[in-house]
Amino acid sequence: MRTAYRAAVACTVRSSFGILVCMTIDNILASIDSEIVQLKQARALLSTDGIRKTPSASPVRKKRKLSAAARKKIGDAQRKRWAKQKASK
């Protein structure tokens, strides 16, 4: 019932050129929806420096793994720094 009512109601809109335009509410909503889509696309282009990215297109970064020897070396170096700092106090 509501859809039939919306389609039957006509709305008059005066455009910026002074032309009288008659549109139904459904046509107005469709026009607004299409403008929203265009504005979202323009915003996406401007926010990514002209490079359009989709969430699925971005590569997933592989997690870096340290070997046990590398972790031991880093830990030993940190403990050495802590010991030097503690000795100077």
N, C-alpha and C. Protein backbone atom coordinates (compact mmCIF):
# COMPACT_ATOMS: atom_id res chain seq x y z
N MET A 1 0.82 -1.19 0.00
CA MET A 1 0.00 0.00 0.00
C MET A 1 0.86 1.25 0.00
N ARG A 2 1.88 1.22 0.82
CA ARG A 2 2.72 2.40 0.93
C ARG A 2 3.48 2.69 -0.36
N THR A 3 3.96 1.65 -1.05
CA THR A 3 4.67 1.84 -2.29
C THR A 3 3.79 2.50 -3.35
N ALA A 4 2.54 2.06 -3.42
CA ALA A 4 1.61 2.65 -4.39
C ALA A 4 1.38 4.12 -4.07
N TYR A 5 1.31 4.45 -2.81
CA TYR A 5 1.10 5.84 -2.40
C TYR A 5 2.31 6.69 -2.79
N ARG A 6 3.50 6.18 -2.54
CA ARG A 6 4.72 6.92 -2.85
C ARG A 6 4.88 7.13 -4.35
N ALA A 7 4.51 6.14 -5.13
CA ALA A 7 4.66 6.25 -6.58
C ALA A 7 3.64 7.23 -7.16
N ALA A 8 2.47 7.32 -6.53
CA ALA A 8 1.43 8.18 -7.06
C ALA A 8 1.66 9.65 -6.72
N VAL A 9 2.38 9.92 -5.62
CA VAL A 9 2.60 11.29 -5.20
C VAL A 9 3.66 11.92 -6.08
N ALA A 10 3.35 13.08 -6.62
CA ALA A 10 4.30 13.79 -7.47
C ALA A 10 4.85 14.98 -6.71
N CYS A 11 6.08 15.28 -6.96
CA CYS A 11 6.72 16.40 -6.29
C CYS A 11 7.30 17.32 -7.36
N THR A 12 7.10 18.60 -7.21
CA THR A 12 7.67 19.53 -8.18
C THR A 12 8.92 20.16 -7.58
N VAL A 13 9.96 20.18 -8.35
CA VAL A 13 11.24 20.72 -7.92
C VAL A 13 11.72 21.70 -8.96
N ARG A 14 12.17 22.85 -8.54
CA ARG A 14 12.71 23.82 -9.48
C ARG A 14 14.23 23.63 -9.50
N SER A 15 14.77 23.33 -10.67
CA SER A 15 16.20 23.10 -10.79
C SER A 15 16.95 24.42 -10.81
N SER A 16 18.27 24.34 -10.79
CA SER A 16 19.10 25.55 -10.78
C SER A 16 19.02 26.33 -12.09
N PHE A 17 18.50 25.70 -13.16
CA PHE A 17 18.38 26.38 -14.45
C PHE A 17 17.02 27.06 -14.63
N GLY A 18 16.15 27.00 -13.60
CA GLY A 18 14.85 27.62 -13.69
C GLY A 18 13.82 26.78 -14.41
N ILE A 19 14.11 25.49 -14.60
CA ILE A 19 13.18 24.61 -15.30
C ILE A 19 12.36 23.86 -14.25
N LEU A 20 11.08 23.79 -14.47
CA LEU A 20 10.19 23.09 -13.55
C LEU A 20 10.26 21.60 -13.86
N VAL A 21 10.60 20.79 -12.86
CA VAL A 21 10.76 19.35 -13.04
C VAL A 21 9.78 18.64 -12.13
N CYS A 22 9.06 17.68 -12.65
CA CYS A 22 8.13 16.88 -11.85
C CYS A 22 8.70 15.48 -11.72
N MET A 23 8.83 15.02 -10.49
CA MET A 23 9.37 13.69 -10.23
C MET A 23 8.54 13.03 -9.14
N THR A 24 8.44 11.73 -9.21
CA THR A 24 7.79 11.00 -8.12
C THR A 24 8.79 10.84 -6.99
N ILE A 25 8.30 10.50 -5.82
CA ILE A 25 9.19 10.32 -4.67
C ILE A 25 10.17 9.19 -4.94
N ASP A 26 9.73 8.12 -5.58
CA ASP A 26 10.63 7.01 -5.90
C ASP A 26 11.75 7.47 -6.83
N ASN A 27 11.43 8.34 -7.80
CA ASN A 27 12.47 8.85 -8.69
C ASN A 27 13.45 9.74 -7.94
N ILE A 28 12.94 10.54 -7.00
CA ILE A 28 13.82 11.39 -6.21
C ILE A 28 14.75 10.55 -5.35
N LEU A 29 14.20 9.51 -4.70
CA LEU A 29 15.04 8.63 -3.87
C LEU A 29 16.09 7.90 -4.71
N ALA A 30 15.71 7.46 -5.89
CA ALA A 30 16.67 6.78 -6.77
C ALA A 30 17.77 7.74 -7.20
N SER A 31 17.40 8.99 -7.47
CA SER A 31 18.38 10.00 -7.85
C SER A 31 19.34 10.29 -6.70
N ILE A 32 18.81 10.40 -5.49
CA ILE A 32 19.65 10.63 -4.31
C ILE A 32 20.59 9.46 -4.09
N ASP A 33 20.08 8.23 -4.22
CA ASP A 33 20.92 7.05 -4.05
C ASP A 33 22.06 7.01 -5.06
N SER A 34 21.78 7.37 -6.31
CA SER A 34 22.84 7.36 -7.31
C SER A 34 23.88 8.45 -7.03
N GLU A 35 23.44 9.59 -6.53
CA GLU A 35 24.39 10.65 -6.17
C GLU A 35 25.25 10.22 -4.99
N ILE A 36 24.67 9.51 -4.03
CA ILE A 36 25.44 9.02 -2.88
C ILE A 36 26.53 8.05 -3.35
N VAL A 37 26.19 7.16 -4.28
CA VAL A 37 27.17 6.21 -4.81
C VAL A 37 28.31 6.96 -5.50
N GLN A 38 27.96 7.96 -6.31
CA GLN A 38 28.99 8.74 -7.01
C GLN A 38 29.88 9.49 -6.02
N LEU A 39 29.29 10.06 -4.98
CA LEU A 39 30.08 10.79 -3.98
C LEU A 39 31.00 9.85 -3.20
N LYS A 40 30.52 8.65 -2.88
CA LYS A 40 31.38 7.68 -2.18
C LYS A 40 32.55 7.27 -3.06
N GLN A 41 32.30 7.09 -4.35
CA GLN A 41 33.39 6.73 -5.26
C GLN A 41 34.41 7.87 -5.36
N ALA A 42 33.92 9.11 -5.45
CA ALA A 42 34.82 10.25 -5.52
C ALA A 42 35.64 10.38 -4.25
N ARG A 43 35.00 10.15 -3.10
CA ARG A 43 35.72 10.24 -1.82
C ARG A 43 36.79 9.15 -1.74
N ALA A 44 36.46 7.95 -2.19
CA ALA A 44 37.43 6.86 -2.17
C ALA A 44 38.63 7.19 -3.05
N LEU A 45 38.38 7.78 -4.20
CA LEU A 45 39.49 8.14 -5.10
C LEU A 45 40.36 9.24 -4.49
N LEU A 46 39.73 10.21 -3.84
CA LEU A 46 40.49 11.31 -3.25
C LEU A 46 41.26 10.88 -2.00
N SER A 47 40.71 9.99 -1.23
CA SER A 47 41.37 9.59 0.01
C SER A 47 42.51 8.61 -0.22
N THR A 48 42.60 7.99 -1.40
CA THR A 48 43.68 7.05 -1.67
C THR A 48 44.62 7.56 -2.75
N ASP A 49 44.70 8.85 -2.93
CA ASP A 49 45.59 9.46 -3.92
C ASP A 49 45.37 8.92 -5.33
N GLY A 50 44.12 8.67 -5.68
CA GLY A 50 43.80 8.22 -7.03
C GLY A 50 43.94 6.74 -7.25
N ILE A 51 44.40 6.01 -6.25
CA ILE A 51 44.53 4.56 -6.38
C ILE A 51 43.34 3.93 -5.69
N ARG A 52 42.54 3.24 -6.44
CA ARG A 52 41.34 2.64 -5.88
C ARG A 52 41.68 1.29 -5.31
N LYS A 53 41.42 1.12 -4.02
CA LYS A 53 41.72 -0.14 -3.36
C LYS A 53 40.44 -0.76 -2.85
N THR A 54 40.39 -2.06 -2.93
CA THR A 54 39.29 -2.79 -2.33
C THR A 54 39.86 -3.58 -1.16
N PRO A 55 39.06 -3.86 -0.15
CA PRO A 55 39.58 -4.58 1.01
C PRO A 55 40.17 -5.93 0.66
N SER A 56 39.61 -6.63 -0.32
CA SER A 56 40.12 -7.95 -0.67
C SER A 56 41.38 -7.86 -1.53
N ALA A 57 41.62 -6.71 -2.15
CA ALA A 57 42.78 -6.58 -3.04
C ALA A 57 44.06 -6.28 -2.27
N SER A 58 43.96 -5.79 -1.04
CA SER A 58 45.17 -5.46 -0.29
C SER A 58 45.84 -6.74 0.17
N PRO A 59 47.15 -6.87 -0.05
CA PRO A 59 47.84 -8.09 0.32
C PRO A 59 47.96 -8.21 1.85
N VAL A 60 47.85 -9.42 2.33
CA VAL A 60 47.99 -9.67 3.75
C VAL A 60 49.48 -9.84 4.03
N ARG A 61 49.97 -9.06 4.98
CA ARG A 61 51.39 -9.10 5.28
C ARG A 61 51.72 -10.37 6.04
N LYS A 62 52.76 -11.04 5.62
CA LYS A 62 53.19 -12.27 6.24
C LYS A 62 53.92 -11.93 7.55
N LYS A 63 53.60 -12.66 8.61
CA LYS A 63 54.21 -12.41 9.91
C LYS A 63 55.68 -12.85 9.87
N ARG A 64 56.53 -11.97 10.39
CA ARG A 64 57.95 -12.29 10.42
C ARG A 64 58.25 -13.23 11.59
N LYS A 65 59.13 -14.17 11.36
CA LYS A 65 59.48 -15.14 12.39
C LYS A 65 60.98 -15.07 12.64
N LEU A 66 61.33 -15.00 13.90
CA LEU A 66 62.74 -15.01 14.28
C LEU A 66 63.13 -16.42 14.70
N SER A 67 64.33 -16.78 14.37
CA SER A 67 64.81 -18.09 14.81
C SER A 67 65.12 -18.02 16.31
N ALA A 68 65.26 -19.19 16.93
CA ALA A 68 65.56 -19.25 18.36
C ALA A 68 66.92 -18.59 18.63
N ALA A 69 67.86 -18.78 17.74
CA ALA A 69 69.19 -18.20 17.92
C ALA A 69 69.12 -16.67 17.87
N ALA A 70 68.31 -16.14 16.95
CA ALA A 70 68.17 -14.69 16.84
C ALA A 70 67.51 -14.12 18.08
N ARG A 71 66.46 -14.80 18.59
CA ARG A 71 65.81 -14.33 19.83
C ARG A 71 66.77 -14.36 21.00
N LYS A 72 67.61 -15.40 21.08
CA LYS A 72 68.60 -15.51 22.17
C LYS A 72 69.62 -14.38 22.06
N LYS A 73 70.06 -14.10 20.86
CA LYS A 73 71.05 -13.03 20.65
C LYS A 73 70.47 -11.67 21.07
N ILE A 74 69.22 -11.40 20.69
CA ILE A 74 68.57 -10.14 21.04
C ILE A 74 68.39 -10.06 22.56
N GLY A 75 67.95 -11.17 23.17
CA GLY A 75 67.75 -11.20 24.63
C GLY A 75 69.05 -10.98 25.38
N ASP A 76 70.12 -11.63 24.91
CA ASP A 76 71.43 -11.46 25.56
C ASP A 76 71.90 -10.01 25.47
N ALA A 77 71.70 -9.39 24.30
CA ALA A 77 72.11 -8.00 24.13
C ALA A 77 71.30 -7.08 25.04
N GLN A 78 70.02 -7.33 25.22
CA GLN A 78 69.18 -6.51 26.10
C GLN A 78 69.60 -6.69 27.55
N ARG A 79 69.85 -7.94 27.95
CA ARG A 79 70.30 -8.17 29.33
C ARG A 79 71.64 -7.49 29.61
N LYS A 80 72.49 -7.46 28.59
CA LYS A 80 73.79 -6.78 28.73
C LYS A 80 73.57 -5.27 28.92
N ARG A 81 72.64 -4.67 28.16
CA ARG A 81 72.34 -3.25 28.33
C ARG A 81 71.76 -2.97 29.72
N TRP A 82 70.87 -3.86 30.19
CA TRP A 82 70.28 -3.68 31.52
C TRP A 82 71.36 -3.77 32.60
N ALA A 83 72.29 -4.72 32.45
CA ALA A 83 73.35 -4.89 33.44
C ALA A 83 74.25 -3.67 33.46
N LYS A 84 74.56 -3.12 32.29
CA LYS A 84 75.40 -1.93 32.20
C LYS A 84 74.70 -0.75 32.87
N GLN A 85 73.42 -0.59 32.64
CA GLN A 85 72.65 0.52 33.23
C GLN A 85 72.56 0.37 34.74
N LYS A 86 72.37 -0.87 35.20
CA LYS A 86 72.26 -1.14 36.64
C LYS A 86 73.60 -0.90 37.34
N ALA A 87 74.69 -1.24 36.68
CA ALA A 87 76.03 -1.06 37.25
C ALA A 87 76.40 0.41 37.37
N SER A 88 75.88 1.24 36.47
CA SER A 88 76.23 2.67 36.49
C SER A 88 75.49 3.42 37.59
N LYS A 89 74.42 2.85 38.16
CA LYS A 89 73.67 3.53 39.21
C LYS A 89 74.31 3.40 40.52
